[in-house]
Amino acid sequence: MQEIESVNEFGGLLKRYTHQSKVNDCEMTFSIYLPPQATK
């Protein structure tokens, strides 16, 4: 898994990751939002 982007948004962080899926046999991307409380 590799972080491809990290953006400050609404006081928190939006992070995007990519990983290789064995089941789908392709590269997949997902995002997670960390609110301000999670970055302290």
N, C-alpha and C. Protein backbone atom coordinates (compact mmCIF):
# COMPACT_ATOMS: atom_id res chain seq x y z
N MET A 1 0.86 -1.17 0.00
CA MET A 1 0.00 0.00 0.00
C MET A 1 0.90 1.22 0.00
N GLN A 2 0.51 2.23 -0.77
CA GLN A 2 1.31 3.44 -0.90
C GLN A 2 0.41 4.68 -0.83
N GLU A 3 0.83 5.66 -0.03
CA GLU A 3 0.11 6.93 0.03
C GLU A 3 0.45 7.72 -1.22
N ILE A 4 -0.57 8.18 -1.94
CA ILE A 4 -0.32 8.92 -3.17
C ILE A 4 -0.65 10.41 -3.05
N GLU A 5 -1.41 10.79 -1.99
CA GLU A 5 -1.77 12.20 -1.84
C GLU A 5 -2.23 12.46 -0.41
N SER A 6 -1.94 13.64 0.08
CA SER A 6 -2.41 14.09 1.38
C SER A 6 -2.76 15.57 1.25
N VAL A 7 -4.03 15.91 1.52
CA VAL A 7 -4.53 17.26 1.31
C VAL A 7 -5.20 17.76 2.58
N ASN A 8 -4.90 18.98 3.00
CA ASN A 8 -5.60 19.61 4.13
C ASN A 8 -6.97 20.08 3.65
N GLU A 9 -8.03 19.58 4.31
CA GLU A 9 -9.39 19.97 3.96
C GLU A 9 -10.25 20.08 5.21
N PHE A 10 -10.99 21.15 5.34
CA PHE A 10 -11.94 21.35 6.43
C PHE A 10 -11.30 21.15 7.79
N GLY A 11 -10.05 21.52 7.92
CA GLY A 11 -9.35 21.42 9.19
C GLY A 11 -8.73 20.06 9.45
N GLY A 12 -9.01 19.09 8.60
CA GLY A 12 -8.47 17.73 8.76
C GLY A 12 -7.61 17.37 7.56
N LEU A 13 -7.39 16.08 7.38
CA LEU A 13 -6.58 15.60 6.27
C LEU A 13 -7.37 14.60 5.43
N LEU A 14 -7.27 14.73 4.12
CA LEU A 14 -7.79 13.75 3.19
C LEU A 14 -6.59 13.02 2.60
N LYS A 15 -6.53 11.71 2.81
CA LYS A 15 -5.40 10.92 2.33
C LYS A 15 -5.89 9.91 1.30
N ARG A 16 -5.10 9.76 0.22
CA ARG A 16 -5.43 8.79 -0.82
C ARG A 16 -4.32 7.74 -0.88
N TYR A 17 -4.74 6.50 -1.00
CA TYR A 17 -3.81 5.37 -1.05
C TYR A 17 -4.11 4.51 -2.27
N THR A 18 -3.09 3.80 -2.73
CA THR A 18 -3.25 2.82 -3.79
C THR A 18 -2.68 1.49 -3.32
N HIS A 19 -3.28 0.41 -3.81
CA HIS A 19 -2.79 -0.93 -3.47
C HIS A 19 -3.14 -1.89 -4.60
N GLN A 20 -2.41 -2.99 -4.68
CA GLN A 20 -2.68 -4.02 -5.68
C GLN A 20 -3.68 -5.01 -5.12
N SER A 21 -4.78 -5.22 -5.83
CA SER A 21 -5.81 -6.17 -5.42
C SER A 21 -5.55 -7.52 -6.07
N LYS A 22 -5.38 -8.55 -5.23
CA LYS A 22 -5.20 -9.90 -5.76
C LYS A 22 -6.53 -10.45 -6.29
N VAL A 23 -7.63 -10.13 -5.62
CA VAL A 23 -8.94 -10.64 -6.01
C VAL A 23 -9.38 -10.07 -7.35
N ASN A 24 -9.25 -8.75 -7.53
CA ASN A 24 -9.67 -8.10 -8.77
C ASN A 24 -8.58 -8.05 -9.82
N ASP A 25 -7.36 -8.41 -9.43
CA ASP A 25 -6.20 -8.41 -10.32
C ASP A 25 -5.99 -7.05 -10.98
N CYS A 26 -6.02 -5.99 -10.15
CA CYS A 26 -5.79 -4.64 -10.66
C CYS A 26 -5.35 -3.73 -9.51
N GLU A 27 -4.90 -2.54 -9.86
CA GLU A 27 -4.55 -1.55 -8.85
C GLU A 27 -5.82 -0.82 -8.43
N MET A 28 -5.99 -0.63 -7.12
CA MET A 28 -7.17 0.05 -6.60
C MET A 28 -6.75 1.23 -5.74
N THR A 29 -7.64 2.22 -5.64
CA THR A 29 -7.39 3.44 -4.88
C THR A 29 -8.53 3.66 -3.89
N PHE A 30 -8.17 4.12 -2.68
CA PHE A 30 -9.20 4.51 -1.72
C PHE A 30 -8.75 5.74 -0.97
N SER A 31 -9.71 6.44 -0.38
CA SER A 31 -9.44 7.67 0.37
C SER A 31 -9.97 7.52 1.78
N ILE A 32 -9.33 8.26 2.69
CA ILE A 32 -9.80 8.31 4.08
C ILE A 32 -9.68 9.76 4.56
N TYR A 33 -10.73 10.21 5.24
CA TYR A 33 -10.70 11.56 5.82
C TYR A 33 -10.43 11.47 7.30
N LEU A 34 -9.42 12.18 7.76
CA LEU A 34 -9.09 12.25 9.18
C LEU A 34 -9.50 13.62 9.69
N PRO A 35 -10.53 13.69 10.54
CA PRO A 35 -10.99 14.98 11.04
C PRO A 35 -9.95 15.63 11.94
N PRO A 36 -10.12 16.92 12.24
CA PRO A 36 -9.12 17.63 13.06
C PRO A 36 -8.79 16.91 14.37
N GLN A 37 -9.76 16.27 15.00
CA GLN A 37 -9.53 15.58 16.26
C GLN A 37 -8.54 14.43 16.10
N ALA A 38 -8.48 13.83 14.93
CA ALA A 38 -7.60 12.67 14.69
C ALA A 38 -6.17 13.08 14.42
N THR A 39 -5.93 14.33 14.11
CA THR A 39 -4.59 14.78 13.76
C THR A 39 -3.84 15.37 14.94
N LYS A 40 -4.46 15.39 16.11
CA LYS A 40 -3.84 15.96 17.29
C LYS A 40 -2.93 14.96 17.98
